[in-house]
C-alpha atoms as a PDB file:
ATOM      1  CA  MET A   1      87.302  98.667  53.398  1.00  0.00           C
ATOM      2  CA  ASN A   2      89.822 101.275  54.604  1.00  0.00           C
ATOM      3  CA  GLY A   3      87.713 102.762  57.438  1.00  0.00           C
ATOM      4  CA  THR A   4      87.124  99.572  59.409  1.00  0.00           C
ATOM      5  CA  VAL A   5      86.277  99.928  63.078  1.00  0.00           C
ATOM      6  CA  GLN A   6      89.151  98.972  65.339  1.00  0.00           C
ATOM      7  CA  SER A   7      88.391  95.945  67.537  1.00  0.00           C
ATOM      8  CA  SER A   8      88.289  96.407  71.313  1.00  0.00           C
ATOM      9  CA  ALA A   9      91.334  94.141  71.645  1.00  0.00           C
ATOM     10  CA  ALA A  10      93.375  96.393  69.313  1.00  0.00           C
ATOM     11  CA  ARG A  11      92.354  99.714  70.862  1.00  0.00           C
ATOM     12  CA  PRO A  12      94.963 101.415  73.047  1.00  0.00           C
ATOM     13  CA  PRO A  13      94.158 101.565  76.763  1.00  0.00           C
ATOM     14  CA  PRO A  14      92.635 104.774  78.125  1.00  0.00           C
ATOM     15  CA  PRO A  15      95.053 107.447  79.319  1.00  0.00           C
ATOM     16  CA  GLU A  16      96.945 106.732  82.523  1.00  0.00           C
ATOM     17  CA  PRO A  17      94.848 107.968  85.468  1.00  0.00           C
ATOM     18  CA  PRO A  18      96.479 110.936  87.201  1.00  0.00           C
ATOM     19  CA  ASP A  19      97.455 109.399  90.570  1.00  0.00           C
ATOM     20  CA  ALA A  20      95.115 106.444  90.797  1.00  0.00           C
ATOM     21  CA  LEU A  21      95.935 105.737  94.432  1.00  0.00           C
ATOM     22  CA  ARG A  22      95.034 109.252  95.574  1.00  0.00           C
ATOM     23  CA  SER A  23      91.646 108.977  93.846  1.00  0.00           C
ATOM     24  CA  LEU A  24      90.893 105.829  95.880  1.00  0.00           C
ATOM     25  CA  LEU A  25      91.962 107.032  99.328  1.00  0.00           C
ATOM     26  CA  LEU A  26      89.326 106.563 102.038  1.00  0.00           C
ATOM     27  CA  ARG A  27      89.624 106.811 105.818  1.00  0.00           C
ATOM     28  CA  SER A  28      88.366 103.248 106.228  1.00  0.00           C
ATOM     29  CA  MET A  29      91.545 101.785 104.688  1.00  0.00           C
ATOM     30  CA  PHE A  30      93.364 102.599 107.925  1.00  0.00           C
ATOM     31  CA  TRP A  31      90.878 101.219 110.456  1.00  0.00           C
ATOM     32  CA  ARG A  32      91.953  98.458 112.802  1.00  0.00           C
ATOM     33  CA  PRO A  33      89.913  95.252 112.686  1.00  0.00           C
ATOM     34  CA  ALA A  34      88.251  94.502 116.010  1.00  0.00           C
ATOM     35  CA  TYR A  35      88.100  90.740 115.413  1.00  0.00           C
ATOM     36  CA  LEU A  36      91.141  88.641 114.551  1.00  0.00           C
ATOM     37  CA  ALA A  37      91.319  84.852 114.261  1.00  0.00           C
ATOM     38  CA  PRO A  38      93.176  82.323 112.095  1.00  0.00           C
ATOM     39  CA  SER A  39      92.397  83.193 108.476  1.00  0.00           C
ATOM     40  CA  ALA A  40      93.934  83.421 105.010  1.00  0.00           C
ATOM     41  CA  TRP A  41      91.912  86.653 104.689  1.00  0.00           C
ATOM     42  CA  LEU A  42      93.860  88.740 107.224  1.00  0.00           C
ATOM     43  CA  GLU A  43      95.835  90.649 104.602  1.00  0.00           C
ATOM     44  CA  HIS A  44      92.651  91.792 102.814  1.00  0.00           C
ATOM     45  CA  LEU A  45      90.864  93.323 105.806  1.00  0.00           C
ATOM     46  CA  PRO A  46      91.798  96.932 104.882  1.00  0.00           C
ATOM     47  CA  PHE A  47      90.247  96.358 101.455  1.00  0.00           C
ATOM     48  CA  ALA A  48      87.080  94.969 103.085  1.00  0.00           C
ATOM     49  CA  PHE A  49      86.765  98.226 105.038  1.00  0.00           C
ATOM     50  CA  TRP A  50      87.424 100.243 101.886  1.00  0.00           C
ATOM     51  CA  LEU A  51      84.934  98.263  99.822  1.00  0.00           C
ATOM     52  CA  VAL A  52      82.076  98.815 102.250  1.00  0.00           C
ATOM     53  CA  GLU A  53      82.711 102.570 102.329  1.00  0.00           C
ATOM     54  CA  ALA A  54      83.146 102.808  98.552  1.00  0.00           C
ATOM     55  CA  HIS A  55      80.211 100.565  97.650  1.00  0.00           C
ATOM     56  CA  ARG A  56      77.748 101.010 100.567  1.00  0.00           C
ATOM     57  CA  PRO A  57      75.819  97.807  99.799  1.00  0.00           C
ATOM     58  CA  ARG A  58      72.248  97.301 100.937  1.00  0.00           C
ATOM     59  CA  VAL A  59      72.590  93.509 101.152  1.00  0.00           C
ATOM     60  CA  PHE A  60      75.877  91.664 101.678  1.00  0.00           C
ATOM     61  CA  VAL A  61      76.178  87.864 101.499  1.00  0.00           C
ATOM     62  CA  GLU A  62      79.286  85.838 102.278  1.00  0.00           C
ATOM     63  CA  LEU A  63      79.465  82.234 101.098  1.00  0.00           C
ATOM     64  CA  GLY A  64      81.949  80.504 103.381  1.00  0.00           C
ATOM     65  CA  ALA A  65      82.595  82.332 106.664  1.00  0.00           C
ATOM     66  CA  HIS A  66      84.688  79.811 108.673  1.00  0.00           C
ATOM     67  CA  TYR A  67      86.023  81.719 111.731  1.00  0.00           C
ATOM     68  CA  GLY A  68      84.253  84.896 110.564  1.00  0.00           C
ATOM     69  CA  VAL A  69      87.333  87.071 110.069  1.00  0.00           C
ATOM     70  CA  SER A  70      86.325  88.576 106.732  1.00  0.00           C
ATOM     71  CA  TYR A  71      82.617  88.587 107.570  1.00  0.00           C
ATOM     72  CA  PHE A  72      82.970  90.436 110.859  1.00  0.00           C
ATOM     73  CA  THR A  73      85.270  92.987 109.242  1.00  0.00           C
ATOM     74  CA  PHE A  74      82.507  93.817 106.764  1.00  0.00           C
ATOM     75  CA  CYS A  75      80.075  94.019 109.692  1.00  0.00           C
ATOM     76  CA  GLN A  76      82.426  96.315 111.613  1.00  0.00           C
ATOM     77  CA  ALA A  77      82.521  98.672 108.633  1.00  0.00           C
ATOM     78  CA  VAL A  78      78.723  98.691 108.444  1.00  0.00           C
ATOM     79  CA  VAL A  79      78.571  99.808 112.085  1.00  0.00           C
ATOM     80  CA  ARG A  80      81.272 102.481 111.800  1.00  0.00           C
ATOM     81  CA  LEU A  81      79.693 103.942 108.680  1.00  0.00           C
ATOM     82  CA  ALA A  82      76.177 103.739 110.173  1.00  0.00           C
ATOM     83  CA  LEU A  83      74.860 101.995 107.057  1.00  0.00           C
ATOM     84  CA  ASP A  84      71.467 100.358 106.671  1.00  0.00           C
ATOM     85  CA  THR A  85      73.032  97.140 105.369  1.00  0.00           C
ATOM     86  CA  ARG A  86      71.766  93.621 105.985  1.00  0.00           C
ATOM     87  CA  CYS A  87      74.533  91.028 106.259  1.00  0.00           C
ATOM     88  CA  TYR A  88      74.326  87.254 105.896  1.00  0.00           C
ATOM     89  CA  ALA A  89      77.014  84.607 106.393  1.00  0.00           C
ATOM     90  CA  VAL A  90      76.224  81.253 104.777  1.00  0.00           C
ATOM     91  CA  ASP A  91      78.206  78.212 105.898  1.00  0.00           C
ATOM     92  CA  THR A  92      77.725  74.683 107.205  1.00  0.00           C
ATOM     93  CA  TRP A  93      80.503  75.331 109.743  1.00  0.00           C
ATOM     94  CA  THR A  94      81.829  71.825 109.320  1.00  0.00           C
ATOM     95  CA  GLY A  95      84.686  72.614 106.895  1.00  0.00           C
ATOM     96  CA  ASP A  96      85.801  71.141 103.588  1.00  0.00           C
ATOM     97  CA  GLU A  97      88.862  69.594 101.955  1.00  0.00           C
ATOM     98  CA  HIS A  98      90.510  73.008 101.460  1.00  0.00           C
ATOM     99  CA  ALA A  99      89.617  74.802 104.701  1.00  0.00           C
ATOM    100  CA  GLY A 100      89.954  71.611 106.721  1.00  0.00           C
ATOM    101  CA  PHE A 101      87.284  70.054 108.903  1.00  0.00           C
ATOM    102  CA  TYR A 102      86.504  71.323 112.399  1.00  0.00           C
ATOM    103  CA  GLY A 103      84.157  70.891 115.337  1.00  0.00           C
ATOM    104  CA  GLU A 104      81.182  72.713 116.811  1.00  0.00           C
ATOM    105  CA  ASP A 105      83.406  75.089 118.763  1.00  0.00           C
ATOM    106  CA  VAL A 106      84.004  77.206 115.645  1.00  0.00           C
ATOM    107  CA  HIS A 107      80.305  77.746 114.966  1.00  0.00           C
ATOM    108  CA  ALA A 108      79.702  78.452 118.658  1.00  0.00           C
ATOM    109  CA  ALA A 109      82.436  81.119 118.723  1.00  0.00           C
ATOM    110  CA  VAL A 110      81.158  82.803 115.553  1.00  0.00           C
ATOM    111  CA  CYS A 111      77.585  82.805 116.884  1.00  0.00           C
ATOM    112  CA  ALA A 112      78.703  84.282 120.204  1.00  0.00           C
ATOM    113  CA  HIS A 113      80.577  87.135 118.527  1.00  0.00           C
ATOM    114  CA  ASN A 114      77.722  87.845 116.137  1.00  0.00           C
ATOM    115  CA  ASP A 115      75.149  87.855 118.942  1.00  0.00           C
ATOM    116  CA  ALA A 116      77.291  90.162 121.056  1.00  0.00           C
ATOM    117  CA  HIS A 117      78.082  92.744 118.388  1.00  0.00           C
ATOM    118  CA  TYR A 118      76.053  92.537 115.165  1.00  0.00           C
ATOM    119  CA  SER A 119      72.756  90.728 115.744  1.00  0.00           C
ATOM    120  CA  GLY A 120      70.769  93.853 114.851  1.00  0.00           C
ATOM    121  CA  PHE A 121      71.570  93.494 111.150  1.00  0.00           C
ATOM    122  CA  SER A 122      73.590  90.279 110.727  1.00  0.00           C
ATOM    123  CA  ARG A 123      72.296  86.727 110.421  1.00  0.00           C
ATOM    124  CA  LEU A 124      74.234  83.472 110.251  1.00  0.00           C
ATOM    125  CA  VAL A 125      72.636  80.986 107.856  1.00  0.00           C
ATOM    126  CA  ARG A 126      73.800  77.479 108.653  1.00  0.00           C
ATOM    127  CA  SER A 127      73.222  75.545 105.447  1.00  0.00           C
ATOM    128  CA  THR A 128      74.837  74.643 102.164  1.00  0.00           C
ATOM    129  CA  PHE A 129      75.119  77.407  99.593  1.00  0.00           C
ATOM    130  CA  ASP A 130      72.504  75.749  97.377  1.00  0.00           C
ATOM    131  CA  GLU A 131      70.046  75.383 100.248  1.00  0.00           C
ATOM    132  CA  ALA A 132      70.446  79.068 101.104  1.00  0.00           C
ATOM    133  CA  LEU A 133      69.490  80.242  97.614  1.00  0.00           C
ATOM    134  CA  GLY A 134      65.803  80.071  98.481  1.00  0.00           C
ATOM    135  CA  HIS A 135      66.279  82.576 101.306  1.00  0.00           C
ATOM    136  CA  PHE A 136      67.133  85.420  98.902  1.00  0.00           C
ATOM    137  CA  THR A 137      65.027  87.050  96.222  1.00  0.00           C
ATOM    138  CA  ASP A 138      66.366  87.615  92.729  1.00  0.00           C
ATOM    139  CA  ARG A 139      68.284  90.861  92.108  1.00  0.00           C
ATOM    140  CA  SER A 140      68.600  91.631  95.819  1.00  0.00           C
ATOM    141  CA  ILE A 141      72.318  91.253  96.666  1.00  0.00           C
ATOM    142  CA  ASP A 142      74.702  94.181  96.141  1.00  0.00           C
ATOM    143  CA  LEU A 143      77.867  92.545  97.456  1.00  0.00           C
ATOM    144  CA  LEU A 144      78.634  88.819  97.204  1.00  0.00           C
ATOM    145  CA  HIS A 145      81.768  87.209  98.626  1.00  0.00           C
ATOM    146  CA  ILE A 146      82.408  83.682  97.326  1.00  0.00           C
ATOM    147  CA  ASP A 147      84.882  81.789  99.519  1.00  0.00           C
ATOM    148  CA  GLY A 148      83.711  78.184  99.710  1.00  0.00           C
ATOM    149  CA  LEU A 149      85.312  75.078  98.235  1.00  0.00           C
ATOM    150  CA  HIS A 150      87.952  76.325  95.806  1.00  0.00           C
ATOM    151  CA  THR A 151      87.916  73.776  92.996  1.00  0.00           C
ATOM    152  CA  PHE A 152      87.067  75.201  89.584  1.00  0.00           C
ATOM    153  CA  GLU A 153      83.874  73.151  89.432  1.00  0.00           C
ATOM    154  CA  ALA A 154      82.688  74.229  92.896  1.00  0.00           C
ATOM    155  CA  VAL A 155      83.390  77.943  92.563  1.00  0.00           C
ATOM    156  CA  SER A 156      81.915  78.003  89.039  1.00  0.00           C
ATOM    157  CA  HIS A 157      78.771  76.362  90.361  1.00  0.00           C
ATOM    158  CA  ASP A 158      78.534  78.894  93.203  1.00  0.00           C
ATOM    159  CA  PHE A 159      78.932  81.844  90.844  1.00  0.00           C
ATOM    160  CA  GLU A 160      76.400  80.554  88.321  1.00  0.00           C
ATOM    161  CA  SER A 161      73.906  79.643  91.057  1.00  0.00           C
ATOM    162  CA  TRP A 162      74.033  83.028  92.768  1.00  0.00           C
ATOM    163  CA  ARG A 163      74.394  85.440  89.846  1.00  0.00           C
ATOM    164  CA  GLY A 164      70.612  85.692  89.455  1.00  0.00           C
ATOM    165  CA  LYS A 165      70.462  87.122  92.983  1.00  0.00           C
ATOM    166  CA  LEU A 166      72.707  90.076  92.095  1.00  0.00           C
ATOM    167  CA  THR A 167      71.557  93.659  91.524  1.00  0.00           C
ATOM    168  CA  ASP A 168      72.619  95.963  88.708  1.00  0.00           C
ATOM    169  CA  GLU A 169      75.131  97.558  91.118  1.00  0.00           C
ATOM    170  CA  ALA A 170      76.516  94.261  92.384  1.00  0.00           C
ATOM    171  CA  VAL A 171      80.163  93.583  93.150  1.00  0.00           C
ATOM    172  CA  VAL A 172      81.453  90.013  93.509  1.00  0.00           C
ATOM    173  CA  ILE A 173      84.707  89.122  95.246  1.00  0.00           C
ATOM    174  CA  PHE A 174      86.593  85.813  94.963  1.00  0.00           C
ATOM    175  CA  HIS A 175      89.302  84.811  97.421  1.00  0.00           C
ATOM    176  CA  ASP A 176      92.341  82.660  96.538  1.00  0.00           C
ATOM    177  CA  THR A 177      92.697  83.804  92.924  1.00  0.00           C
ATOM    178  CA  ASN A 178      96.484  83.490  93.260  1.00  0.00           C
ATOM    179  CA  VAL A 179      96.623  79.858  94.452  1.00  0.00           C
ATOM    180  CA  ARG A 180      97.517  77.167  91.915  1.00  0.00           C
ATOM    181  CA  GLU A 181      98.187  74.123  94.101  1.00  0.00           C
ATOM    182  CA  ARG A 182      95.977  71.584  95.948  1.00  0.00           C
ATOM    183  CA  GLY A 183      93.314  71.573  93.236  1.00  0.00           C
ATOM    184  CA  PHE A 184      92.417  75.254  93.608  1.00  0.00           C
ATOM    185  CA  GLY A 185      90.714  76.565  90.485  1.00  0.00           C
ATOM    186  CA  VAL A 186      89.429  80.018  91.448  1.00  0.00           C
ATOM    187  CA  PHE A 187      92.040  81.627  89.200  1.00  0.00           C
ATOM    188  CA  ARG A 188      90.559  79.833  86.182  1.00  0.00           C
ATOM    189  CA  LEU A 189      87.062  81.132  86.864  1.00  0.00           C
ATOM    190  CA  PHE A 190      88.355  84.628  87.566  1.00  0.00           C
ATOM    191  CA  GLU A 191      90.181  84.665  84.225  1.00  0.00           C
ATOM    192  CA  ASP A 192      86.921  83.762  82.493  1.00  0.00           C
ATOM    193  CA  VAL A 193      84.806  86.282  84.427  1.00  0.00           C
ATOM    194  CA  LYS A 194      87.121  89.265  84.014  1.00  0.00           C
ATOM    195  CA  ALA A 195      86.967  88.829  80.236  1.00  0.00           C
ATOM    196  CA  HIS A 196      83.308  89.886  80.460  1.00  0.00           C
ATOM    197  CA  TYR A 197      83.188  92.280  83.428  1.00  0.00           C
ATOM    198  CA  PRO A 198      85.421  95.050  84.803  1.00  0.00           C
ATOM    199  CA  ALA A 199      87.708  93.615  87.447  1.00  0.00           C
ATOM    200  CA  PHE A 200      90.717  94.183  89.672  1.00  0.00           C
ATOM    201  CA  GLU A 201      92.964  91.555  91.241  1.00  0.00           C
ATOM    202  CA  PHE A 202      95.138  91.750  94.340  1.00  0.00           C
ATOM    203  CA  VAL A 203      97.893  89.146  94.316  1.00  0.00           C
ATOM    204  CA  HIS A 204      98.924  89.272  97.990  1.00  0.00           C
ATOM    205  CA  GLY A 205      97.175  87.242 100.699  1.00  0.00           C
ATOM    206  CA  HIS A 206      96.534  84.294  98.324  1.00  0.00           C
ATOM    207  CA  GLY A 207      94.866  86.646  95.831  1.00  0.00           C
ATOM    208  CA  LEU A 208      91.549  88.497  95.805  1.00  0.00           C
ATOM    209  CA  GLY A 209      89.517  89.076  92.656  1.00  0.00           C
ATOM    210  CA  VAL A 210      87.043  91.967  92.567  1.00  0.00           C
ATOM    211  CA  VAL A 211      84.405  91.966  89.808  1.00  0.00           C
ATOM    212  CA  GLY A 212      81.998  94.741  88.828  1.00  0.00           C
ATOM    213  CA  PHE A 213      79.142  92.414  87.922  1.00  0.00           C
ATOM    214  CA  GLY A 214      76.393  95.026  87.806  1.00  0.00           C
ATOM    215  CA  ALA A 215      76.094  97.396  84.864  1.00  0.00           C
ATOM    216  CA  ARG A 216      75.981 100.418  87.199  1.00  0.00           C
ATOM    217  CA  GLN A 217      79.084 100.780  89.359  1.00  0.00           C
ATOM    218  CA  LYS A 218      79.853 103.448  91.968  1.00  0.00           C
ATOM    219  CA  ASP A 219      82.518 105.989  91.012  1.00  0.00           C
ATOM    220  CA  LEU A 220      85.213 104.640  93.339  1.00  0.00           C
ATOM    221  CA  LEU A 221      84.701 101.110  92.051  1.00  0.00           C
ATOM    222  CA  ARG A 222      85.030 102.364  88.477  1.00  0.00           C
ATOM    223  CA  HIS A 223      88.310 104.074  89.411  1.00  0.00           C
ATOM    224  CA  LEU A 224      89.568 100.805  90.901  1.00  0.00           C
ATOM    225  CA  PHE A 225      88.670  98.839  87.767  1.00  0.00           C
ATOM    226  CA  GLU A 226      90.257 101.493  85.541  1.00  0.00           C
ATOM    227  CA  ALA A 227      93.531 101.130  87.469  1.00  0.00           C
ATOM    228  CA  GLU A 228      93.738  97.475  86.405  1.00  0.00           C
ATOM    229  CA  ALA A 229      94.451  98.560  82.817  1.00  0.00           C
ATOM    230  CA  HIS A 230      97.568 100.576  83.766  1.00  0.00           C
ATOM    231  CA  PRO A 231     100.645  98.792  85.172  1.00  0.00           C
ATOM    232  CA  ALA A 232     101.856 101.721  87.292  1.00  0.00           C
ATOM    233  CA  ALA A 233      98.407 102.470  88.730  1.00  0.00           C
ATOM    234  CA  ARG A 234      97.671  98.793  89.310  1.00  0.00           C
ATOM    235  CA  GLN A 235     100.958  98.282  91.139  1.00  0.00           C
ATOM    236  CA  ALA A 236     100.487 101.370  93.315  1.00  0.00           C
ATOM    237  CA  VAL A 237      97.058 100.185  94.462  1.00  0.00           C
ATOM    238  CA  ARG A 238      98.305  96.649  95.062  1.00  0.00           C
ATOM    239  CA  GLU A 239     101.303  97.813  97.074  1.00  0.00           C
ATOM    240  CA  ALA A 240      99.241 100.119  99.267  1.00  0.00           C
ATOM    241  CA  PHE A 241      96.690  97.482 100.231  1.00  0.00           C
ATOM    242  CA  ALA A 242      99.362  94.789 100.615  1.00  0.00           C
ATOM    243  CA  ARG A 243     101.283  96.980 103.068  1.00  0.00           C
ATOM    244  CA  LEU A 244      98.130  97.774 105.058  1.00  0.00           C
ATOM    245  CA  GLY A 245      97.145  94.113 105.021  1.00  0.00           C
ATOM    246  CA  ARG A 246     100.535  93.072 106.331  1.00  0.00           C
ATOM    247  CA  GLY A 247      99.835  95.201 109.372  1.00  0.00           C
ATOM    248  CA  CYS A 248      96.662  93.198 110.090  1.00  0.00           C
ATOM    249  CA  ALA A 249      98.535  89.909 109.773  1.00  0.00           C
ATOM    250  CA  ASP A 250     101.265  91.212 112.101  1.00  0.00           C
ATOM    251  CA  ALA A 251      98.618  92.324 114.606  1.00  0.00           C
ATOM    252  CA  PHE A 252      97.230  88.790 114.674  1.00  0.00           C
ATOM    253  CA  THR A 253     100.729  87.379 115.202  1.00  0.00           C
ATOM    254  CA  VAL A 254     101.218  89.696 118.186  1.00  0.00           C
ATOM    255  CA  GLN A 255      97.784  88.728 119.528  1.00  0.00           C
ATOM    256  CA  ARG A 256      98.699  85.041 119.359  1.00  0.00           C
ATOM    257  CA  GLN A 257     102.057  85.694 121.031  1.00  0.00           C
ATOM    258  CA  ASN A 258     100.354  87.592 123.851  1.00  0.00           C
ATOM    259  CA  GLU A 259      97.841  84.780 124.314  1.00  0.00           C
ATOM    260  CA  ARG A 260     100.654  82.234 124.431  1.00  0.00           C
ATOM    261  CA  GLU A 261     102.558  84.365 126.956  1.00  0.00           C
ATOM    262  CA  ARG A 262      99.494  84.523 129.212  1.00  0.00           C
ATOM    263  CA  GLU A 263      99.107  80.754 128.953  1.00  0.00           C
ATOM    264  CA  LEU A 264     102.758  80.244 129.882  1.00  0.00           C
ATOM    265  CA  GLN A 265     102.491  82.655 132.814  1.00  0.00           C
ATOM    266  CA  ALA A 266      99.447  80.772 134.067  1.00  0.00           C
ATOM    267  CA  GLU A 267     101.302  77.465 133.729  1.00  0.00           C
ATOM    268  CA  ILE A 268     104.301  78.858 135.604  1.00  0.00           C
ATOM    269  CA  ALA A 269     102.023  80.112 138.390  1.00  0.00           C
ATOM    270  CA  ARG A 270     100.388  76.694 138.596  1.00  0.00           C
ATOM    271  CA  LEU A 271     103.749  74.923 138.841  1.00  0.00           C
ATOM    272  CA  HIS A 272     104.943  77.351 141.527  1.00  0.00           C
ATOM    273  CA  ALA A 273     101.801  76.636 143.532  1.00  0.00           C
ATOM    274  CA  GLU A 274     102.308  72.880 143.175  1.00  0.00           C
ATOM    275  CA  LEU A 275     105.953  73.227 144.223  1.00  0.00           C
ATOM    276  CA  ALA A 276     105.003  75.317 147.251  1.00  0.00           C
ATOM    277  CA  ALA A 277     102.370  72.774 148.276  1.00  0.00           C
ATOM    278  CA  PHE A 278     104.864  69.951 147.847  1.00  0.00           C
ATOM    279  CA  GLY A 279     107.341  71.800 150.095  1.00  0.00           C
ATOM    280  CA  GLN A 280     104.731  72.333 152.812  1.00  0.00           C
ATOM    281  CA  ASN A 281     103.754  68.675 152.751  1.00  0.00           C
ATOM    282  CA  ARG A 282     107.392  67.648 153.277  1.00  0.00           C
ATOM    283  CA  ALA A 283     107.927  70.046 156.148  1.00  0.00           C
END
């Protein structure tokens, strides 16, 4: 039959968007994160700010918070935008084979920061991801960040377990989509998921996959997903957020250097005091 319908795979992509980056510009991209700690997420903090402003979720859940760097950046955006968003961080705060294992001091520090700044709308749920499922009703979560154990089996299980909790406007983000070593398999799941849902991937900062899971997406999210289909638009968006993210990573480096300098100054002062006391005792 001559008039066969062209398959979706054979159709040409939609026209190149006219300046994709300009259509995505929001003030939040340029905010400075108030909370910095060791994290592979540092270079994605400007996108976290952007995503909250673009999406304005009613319920945000993060699976795997560790030091809280990504989580508290989302919370900071909620405060600055004066949103009525409920935020939940789910973690055992004991670590795993990819994040490493750590002591109670990490959980204590995250709790202290949450209590001091975000306790009005943020709750830390100390449990496994599976145990936490019962705390959330179906079709209630607008934004889900999956950042737990990064094997293909683990991240696939997390996605399948939590997808029933997502609304028809839900966005799901996966960290470490650009890591291939140490048994990481997030990239494999992301390849499968983006074949069925609109998506965008950042390749800097170990990779971040953004998926429009819900059938109804906000306009700015649709513009982001449309940029994925056009090499020039995709590269412009990636470069902009990578450059902004580099600034956050550099800010953390400076913070650590300043902390180390203060420690050294304190050590020098202590040694001077000991030397002075030693001299007085000899006199």
